[in-house]
Amino acid sequence: MAAALKVDKKLLRKTISLKLRSFSPAQIQEQSKALTARVLALPPFTRAQSVSCYLSMPTGEIDTFDLARNILRSGKKLFVPKIDPTVDGRMDLLRIYDEQDLDGLPSGLWGIKEPTLRHADVVRENAQQVGVDVILVPCVAFDRSFSRLGHGKGYYDRFITTYSEQRPKPLLVGLALREQLLDADTVPTGKHDWNMDYILTDQEVLPTNGFNKDSEIDTAG
């Protein structure tokens, strides 16, 4: 069963990746601009005090740098992912303090900008001193059942699982190009895969069925 799930995920990743290779930078920027506006207007986002925003890969996904700048300008605490190369599947969230800090980040794994360990405030999967209200989550694909297909390393699923054992689960908001949002029950999932609370594209805002999209979130963390 586990082997079949792994094969199904790999095949879907290949299909979506081939589709995304045909996208021009202009097409991605057009969708990114509209999606950024939707995120900034999302009521739970506007109420959040601390937000994790991934920094996008050079190609093939929503550009999040303008979004990260707007999070800083809004006065919210901004945290971005940092992969721990010494532990398989380990990811922490490190705080970015200002736009100068953001602009100075070096490139890390897959050409993604990453904070360095000099960043003092860290949201660790197994620590309690720093929390985050909203996590903006990347994907290879989402479907309309709110399932997520990642890149296969398990960084987000592991982080969310361990974090949520000790603190309230952050609101999970998936960001996607519209071509990455598939029909319901398309993405194969296992028991360790987390569903999203929201999925946003440049054209749509999808809350989980039964989830009050205007509900308050706990910002005590």
Protein backbone atom coordinates (compact mmCIF):
# COMPACT_ATOMS: atom_id res chain seq x y z
CA MET A 1 0.00 0.00 0.00
CA ALA A 2 2.76 2.45 0.96
CA ALA A 3 4.75 1.56 -2.15
CA ALA A 4 1.72 2.07 -4.40
CA LEU A 5 1.01 5.46 -2.78
CA LYS A 6 4.60 6.52 -3.38
CA VAL A 7 4.36 5.56 -7.05
CA ASP A 8 1.03 7.37 -7.50
CA LYS A 9 2.45 10.55 -5.97
CA LYS A 10 5.57 10.37 -8.11
CA LEU A 11 3.53 10.03 -11.30
CA LEU A 12 1.32 12.99 -10.41
CA ARG A 13 4.35 15.13 -9.55
CA LYS A 14 5.82 14.35 -12.96
CA THR A 15 2.58 15.26 -14.73
CA ILE A 16 2.20 18.60 -12.95
CA SER A 17 5.89 19.48 -13.25
CA LEU A 18 5.80 18.95 -17.02
CA LYS A 19 2.80 21.27 -17.27
CA LEU A 20 4.46 23.99 -15.18
CA ARG A 21 7.62 24.02 -17.29
CA SER A 22 5.69 25.70 -20.09
CA PHE A 23 4.81 28.72 -17.95
CA SER A 24 6.51 32.00 -18.76
CA PRO A 25 7.72 34.31 -15.96
CA ALA A 26 5.05 36.82 -17.06
CA GLN A 27 2.27 34.25 -16.60
CA ILE A 28 3.47 33.38 -13.12
CA GLN A 29 3.81 37.03 -12.12
CA GLU A 30 0.29 37.80 -13.30
CA GLN A 31 -1.19 35.05 -11.15
CA SER A 32 1.12 35.87 -8.23
CA LYS A 33 -0.02 39.48 -8.09
CA ALA A 34 -3.70 38.54 -7.96
CA LEU A 35 -3.09 35.76 -5.43
CA THR A 36 -1.13 38.09 -3.16
CA ALA A 37 -4.11 40.43 -3.03
CA ARG A 38 -6.41 37.54 -2.06
CA VAL A 39 -4.12 36.45 0.76
CA LEU A 40 -3.83 39.98 2.16
CA ALA A 41 -7.64 40.28 2.19
CA LEU A 42 -8.31 36.90 3.84
CA PRO A 43 -9.93 37.66 7.24
CA PRO A 44 -7.98 35.07 9.29
CA PHE A 45 -4.78 36.38 7.72
CA THR A 46 -5.58 39.99 8.59
CA ARG A 47 -6.14 38.97 12.23
CA ALA A 48 -2.96 36.92 12.49
CA GLN A 49 -0.03 38.30 14.45
CA SER A 50 2.59 35.90 13.12
CA VAL A 51 2.74 34.29 9.67
CA SER A 52 5.01 31.74 8.03
CA CYS A 53 5.50 32.41 4.33
CA TYR A 54 7.65 30.15 2.18
CA LEU A 55 10.03 31.83 -0.25
CA SER A 56 9.34 30.56 -3.73
CA MET A 57 11.55 28.56 -6.02
CA PRO A 58 13.00 30.39 -9.04
CA THR A 59 10.46 28.76 -11.40
CA GLY A 60 7.25 26.75 -11.43
CA GLU A 61 5.30 28.17 -8.50
CA ILE A 62 3.64 31.31 -7.16
CA ASP A 63 6.15 34.10 -6.49
CA THR A 64 5.84 34.94 -2.80
CA PHE A 65 8.41 37.70 -2.38
CA ASP A 66 5.92 40.55 -2.75
CA LEU A 67 3.66 38.76 -0.29
CA ALA A 68 6.52 38.42 2.21
CA ARG A 69 7.22 42.16 1.89
CA ASN A 70 3.59 42.98 2.55
CA ILE A 71 3.57 40.78 5.65
CA LEU A 72 6.50 42.78 7.02
CA ARG A 73 4.89 46.10 6.09
CA SER A 74 1.70 45.10 7.88
CA GLY A 75 3.57 44.81 11.17
CA LYS A 76 3.11 41.05 11.48
CA LYS A 77 5.95 38.76 12.49
CA LEU A 78 7.27 36.97 9.42
CA PHE A 79 8.82 33.50 9.63
CA VAL A 80 10.25 31.59 6.66
CA PRO A 81 11.32 27.95 6.38
CA LYS A 82 14.87 26.77 6.96
CA ILE A 83 15.78 23.20 6.03
CA ASP A 84 18.05 21.41 8.49
CA PRO A 85 20.49 19.44 6.29
CA THR A 86 21.70 17.39 9.27
CA VAL A 87 18.30 15.77 9.98
CA ASP A 88 16.26 14.09 7.24
CA GLY A 89 12.88 15.81 6.81
CA ARG A 90 13.59 18.49 9.43
CA MET A 91 12.43 22.08 8.91
CA ASP A 92 12.35 25.06 11.26
CA LEU A 93 10.80 28.49 10.80
CA LEU A 94 13.13 31.45 11.32
CA ARG A 95 12.09 35.05 11.72
CA ILE A 96 12.77 37.73 9.12
CA TYR A 97 12.85 41.14 10.79
CA ASP A 98 12.65 43.67 7.96
CA GLU A 99 12.90 44.11 4.20
CA GLN A 100 16.66 44.58 4.30
CA ASP A 101 16.88 41.27 6.10
CA LEU A 102 14.66 39.67 3.44
CA ASP A 103 16.67 41.08 0.53
CA GLY A 104 19.94 39.83 1.99
CA LEU A 105 19.02 36.16 2.29
CA PRO A 106 21.36 33.71 0.53
CA SER A 107 20.14 30.95 -1.77
CA GLY A 108 19.84 27.52 -0.23
CA LEU A 109 18.40 24.20 -1.34
CA TRP A 110 16.85 24.23 -4.88
CA GLY A 111 17.82 27.90 -5.27
CA ILE A 112 15.34 28.96 -2.58
CA LYS A 113 16.28 31.92 -0.39
CA GLU A 114 16.80 30.82 3.22
CA PRO A 115 17.49 32.58 6.53
CA THR A 116 20.73 31.86 8.33
CA LEU A 117 21.14 30.62 11.87
CA ARG A 118 21.90 34.17 13.05
CA HIS A 119 18.14 34.73 13.08
CA ALA A 120 17.34 34.50 16.77
CA ASP A 121 13.61 33.78 16.87
CA VAL A 122 12.98 30.22 15.75
CA VAL A 123 9.75 28.25 15.58
CA ARG A 124 11.01 24.74 16.11
CA GLU A 125 8.86 21.66 15.71
CA ASN A 126 9.64 20.57 19.27
CA ALA A 127 9.90 23.90 21.17
CA GLN A 128 7.27 26.09 22.80
CA GLN A 129 8.75 29.56 23.16
CA VAL A 130 7.74 30.92 19.73
CA GLY A 131 4.50 30.18 17.86
CA VAL A 132 2.92 30.98 14.51
CA ASP A 133 -0.74 31.67 13.67
CA VAL A 134 -0.84 31.02 9.92
CA ILE A 135 1.36 28.89 7.68
CA LEU A 136 1.27 29.63 3.95
CA VAL A 137 1.97 26.28 2.33
CA PRO A 138 3.47 25.53 -1.11
CA CYS A 139 2.57 22.56 -3.28
CA VAL A 140 3.14 20.60 -6.40
CA ALA A 141 -0.65 20.28 -6.45
CA PHE A 142 -3.76 20.62 -4.32
CA ASP A 143 -7.18 19.17 -4.99
CA ARG A 144 -10.67 20.34 -4.10
CA SER A 145 -10.77 17.85 -1.24
CA PHE A 146 -8.07 20.09 0.35
CA SER A 147 -5.41 17.41 -0.08
CA ARG A 148 -1.84 18.45 -0.81
CA LEU A 149 0.89 16.93 -2.94
CA GLY A 150 4.30 18.21 -1.88
CA HIS A 151 7.75 17.54 -3.28
CA GLY A 152 8.07 14.28 -1.37
CA LYS A 153 10.45 15.24 1.43
CA GLY A 154 7.78 15.54 4.14
CA TYR A 155 9.05 18.81 5.60
CA TYR A 156 5.66 20.45 6.15
CA ASP A 157 3.77 17.34 7.23
CA ARG A 158 6.40 16.47 9.81
CA PHE A 159 6.66 20.03 11.10
CA ILE A 160 2.89 20.48 11.47
CA THR A 161 2.46 17.10 13.16
CA THR A 162 5.11 17.68 15.81
CA TYR A 163 4.23 21.33 16.33
CA SER A 164 0.55 20.51 16.83
CA GLU A 165 1.29 17.95 19.52
CA GLN A 166 2.29 20.80 21.84
CA ARG A 167 0.43 23.88 20.58
CA PRO A 168 -2.75 24.72 18.66
CA LYS A 169 -2.39 23.86 15.00
CA PRO A 170 -1.73 26.92 12.84
CA LEU A 171 -4.21 27.77 10.11
CA LEU A 172 -2.93 26.07 6.94
CA VAL A 173 -3.39 28.14 3.79
CA GLY A 174 -2.30 26.54 0.53
CA LEU A 175 -1.13 28.81 -2.30
CA ALA A 176 -1.25 27.60 -5.89
CA LEU A 177 -1.24 28.53 -9.51
CA ARG A 178 -4.71 27.78 -10.82
CA GLU A 179 -3.26 24.89 -12.86
CA GLN A 180 -2.06 23.28 -9.62
CA LEU A 181 -5.61 23.02 -8.25
CA LEU A 182 -7.11 19.70 -9.32
CA ASP A 183 -10.50 18.04 -9.04
CA ALA A 184 -11.57 16.55 -5.71
CA ASP A 185 -9.95 13.25 -4.72
CA THR A 186 -7.23 13.56 -7.36
CA VAL A 187 -4.25 13.84 -5.01
CA PRO A 188 -3.25 10.51 -3.42
CA THR A 189 -2.75 10.84 0.34
CA GLY A 190 -1.57 8.83 3.29
CA LYS A 191 -2.29 8.99 7.00
CA HIS A 192 0.57 11.42 7.67
CA ASP A 193 -0.51 13.97 5.05
CA TRP A 194 -2.15 17.16 6.32
CA ASN A 195 -5.13 18.76 4.57
CA MET A 196 -5.36 22.50 4.12
CA ASP A 197 -7.88 24.80 5.85
CA TYR A 198 -7.90 27.10 2.82
CA ILE A 199 -6.61 26.89 -0.74
CA LEU A 200 -6.10 30.12 -2.69
CA THR A 201 -5.44 30.71 -6.36
CA ASP A 202 -5.56 33.97 -8.26
CA GLN A 203 -9.23 33.24 -9.01
CA GLU A 204 -10.58 31.40 -5.96
CA VAL A 205 -10.63 31.23 -2.17
CA LEU A 206 -11.62 27.76 -0.98
CA PRO A 207 -12.32 27.16 2.73
CA THR A 208 -12.57 23.61 4.04
CA ASN A 209 -16.15 22.30 4.00
CA GLY A 210 -17.80 23.28 7.28
CA PHE A 211 -14.97 25.68 8.11
CA ASN A 212 -16.14 29.22 8.82
CA LYS A 213 -13.91 31.29 6.57
CA ASP A 214 -14.50 34.34 8.74
CA SER A 215 -13.84 32.55 12.04
CA GLU A 216 -11.37 33.90 14.54
CA ILE A 217 -8.00 32.23 15.00
CA ASP A 218 -6.08 31.91 18.20
CA THR A 219 -3.35 34.54 18.11
CA ALA A 220 -1.98 33.85 21.56
CA GLY A 221 1.05 31.98 20.26
